[in-house]
Amino acid sequence: MKGTYLGEFQEIVLLTILVLHENAYGVSIQEEIEKRTGRGVSRGALHTAFTRLEEKGFIQSEFGGATAERGGRRKRFYQVTNLGKSALNEAKEVRDDLWNSVPKIALQKIQG
């Protein structure tokens, strides 16, 4: 599984791209992650994740049309590939299995 490991932040990025669907571009992804996690996300960390996810074949990107509001610059839109969806499903299965294996007593808060 080397090279296809999905870290927590990469998983969050992939899920966010799926949530945003056709509106998944850098700024919208960054804002959505910050809104849902309550954590700040640097542009550099996000672009590093994009690069690694693209290298693994988990996402693909393409440029949209240029817009006047962006000074003629084009947005790069992201999509999760079938390989990326498989990686997400595998990560979810592992997490679900672990959560389902934890005895309820182990999650109870300690009184005292």
Protein backbone atom coordinates (compact mmCIF):
# COMPACT_ATOMS: atom_id res chain seq x y z
CA MET A 1 0.00 0.00 0.00
CA LYS A 2 3.08 2.25 -0.05
CA GLY A 3 2.44 5.39 -2.06
CA THR A 4 -1.32 5.11 -1.70
CA TYR A 5 -1.49 5.88 2.02
CA LEU A 6 -4.17 8.45 2.74
CA GLY A 7 -3.35 10.82 5.59
CA GLU A 8 -6.02 12.62 7.61
CA PHE A 9 -5.61 15.95 5.84
CA GLN A 10 -5.59 14.28 2.42
CA GLU A 11 -8.79 12.45 3.36
CA ILE A 12 -10.39 15.74 4.40
CA VAL A 13 -9.32 17.35 1.11
CA LEU A 14 -10.77 14.48 -0.95
CA LEU A 15 -14.05 14.54 0.97
CA THR A 16 -14.28 18.31 0.61
CA ILE A 17 -13.76 18.07 -3.15
CA LEU A 18 -16.64 15.59 -3.28
CA VAL A 19 -18.83 17.87 -1.12
CA LEU A 20 -18.16 20.88 -3.36
CA HIS A 21 -18.58 18.80 -6.52
CA GLU A 22 -18.35 21.14 -9.55
CA ASN A 23 -17.36 24.12 -7.39
CA ALA A 24 -14.17 22.51 -6.03
CA TYR A 25 -11.28 24.92 -6.59
CA GLY A 26 -8.50 26.09 -4.28
CA VAL A 27 -10.21 28.89 -2.36
CA SER A 28 -13.58 27.15 -2.07
CA ILE A 29 -11.88 23.98 -0.79
CA GLN A 30 -9.81 25.95 1.73
CA GLU A 31 -12.88 27.84 3.01
CA GLU A 32 -14.99 24.68 3.28
CA ILE A 33 -12.31 22.82 5.23
CA GLU A 34 -11.88 25.77 7.60
CA LYS A 35 -15.66 26.06 8.08
CA ARG A 36 -16.14 22.35 8.79
CA THR A 37 -13.04 21.71 10.92
CA GLY A 38 -12.67 25.03 12.67
CA ARG A 39 -8.97 24.95 11.79
CA GLY A 40 -7.01 27.33 9.60
CA VAL A 41 -5.55 25.88 6.41
CA SER A 42 -2.55 27.46 4.75
CA ARG A 43 -2.50 27.75 0.99
CA GLY A 44 0.86 25.99 0.95
CA ALA A 45 -0.42 22.96 2.90
CA LEU A 46 -3.42 22.71 0.59
CA HIS A 47 -1.32 22.89 -2.57
CA THR A 48 1.09 20.29 -1.19
CA ALA A 49 -1.90 18.01 -0.60
CA PHE A 50 -3.16 18.67 -4.16
CA THR A 51 0.24 17.77 -5.59
CA ARG A 52 0.54 14.55 -3.59
CA LEU A 53 -3.05 13.50 -4.31
CA GLU A 54 -2.54 14.13 -8.02
CA GLU A 55 0.73 12.14 -7.99
CA LYS A 56 -1.11 9.22 -6.38
CA GLY A 57 -3.84 9.45 -9.02
CA PHE A 58 -6.52 10.29 -6.44
CA ILE A 59 -7.50 13.61 -8.01
CA GLN A 60 -7.32 15.31 -11.38
CA SER A 61 -7.60 18.97 -12.17
CA GLU A 62 -8.45 21.20 -15.06
CA PHE A 63 -8.65 24.92 -15.63
CA GLY A 64 -11.97 26.70 -15.98
CA GLY A 65 -12.54 29.79 -18.06
CA ALA A 66 -10.92 33.12 -17.28
CA THR A 67 -13.07 35.62 -15.39
CA ALA A 68 -12.90 39.39 -15.13
CA GLU A 69 -13.34 39.22 -11.34
CA ARG A 70 -10.06 37.27 -11.15
CA GLY A 71 -8.21 39.66 -13.45
CA GLY A 72 -8.42 37.23 -16.35
CA ARG A 73 -6.92 34.35 -14.37
CA ARG A 74 -8.48 30.92 -14.55
CA LYS A 75 -9.52 28.73 -11.63
CA ARG A 76 -8.16 25.20 -11.33
CA PHE A 77 -11.01 22.82 -10.56
CA TYR A 78 -10.45 19.47 -8.86
CA GLN A 79 -12.24 16.12 -9.16
CA VAL A 80 -11.75 12.90 -7.23
CA THR A 81 -10.84 10.00 -9.51
CA ASN A 82 -12.19 6.46 -9.18
CA LEU A 83 -8.88 5.51 -7.55
CA GLY A 84 -9.37 8.33 -5.04
CA LYS A 85 -12.92 7.18 -4.31
CA SER A 86 -11.63 3.65 -3.72
CA ALA A 87 -8.99 4.99 -1.31
CA LEU A 88 -11.67 6.93 0.57
CA ASN A 89 -13.92 3.88 0.81
CA GLU A 90 -11.02 1.78 2.07
CA ALA A 91 -10.11 4.38 4.71
CA LYS A 92 -13.75 4.55 5.83
CA GLU A 93 -13.99 0.77 6.11
CA VAL A 94 -10.86 0.65 8.28
CA ARG A 95 -12.14 3.45 10.52
CA ASP A 96 -15.63 1.92 10.77
CA ASP A 97 -14.16 -1.47 11.66
CA LEU A 98 -12.01 0.09 14.38
CA TRP A 99 -14.88 2.17 15.79
CA ASN A 100 -17.17 -0.86 15.80
CA SER A 101 -14.49 -2.88 17.63
CA VAL A 102 -14.04 -0.41 20.49
CA PRO A 103 -15.92 -1.63 23.58
CA LYS A 104 -18.51 0.94 24.69
CA ILE A 105 -16.94 1.03 28.14
CA ALA A 106 -13.65 2.18 26.63
CA LEU A 107 -15.32 5.37 25.37
CA GLN A 108 -16.97 6.25 28.66
CA LYS A 109 -15.53 9.25 30.44
CA ILE A 110 -13.77 8.61 33.71
CA GLN A 111 -15.68 9.95 36.70
CA GLY A 112 -13.75 11.65 39.39
